[in-house]
Amino acid sequence: MGRGKIMIRRIDNSTSRQVTFSKRRNGLLKKAKELAILCDAEVGVIIFSSTGKLYDFASTSLHIADAMR
């Protein structure tokens, strides 16, 4: 048996929303790191919270000009 299907919608409770954001952010950054290591890929992730705080991950120190080539 699998998990039940849930509706994807905004979480109304701000505390629950922040907890969910933190957990999902950490999971996404972990998966990005795993992808970069396992597949030898250059990966970059940028996340902005609802308060405007920036979270980022880059597998290498890329410059935008280098990535555009």
Foldseek 3Di string as FASTA:
>chain_A
DDDDDDDDDQDPDPVVNVVVCVVVVVVVQVVQQVCCVVVVDWDKDWDADPVGDIDIDTPDPDDPVVVVD
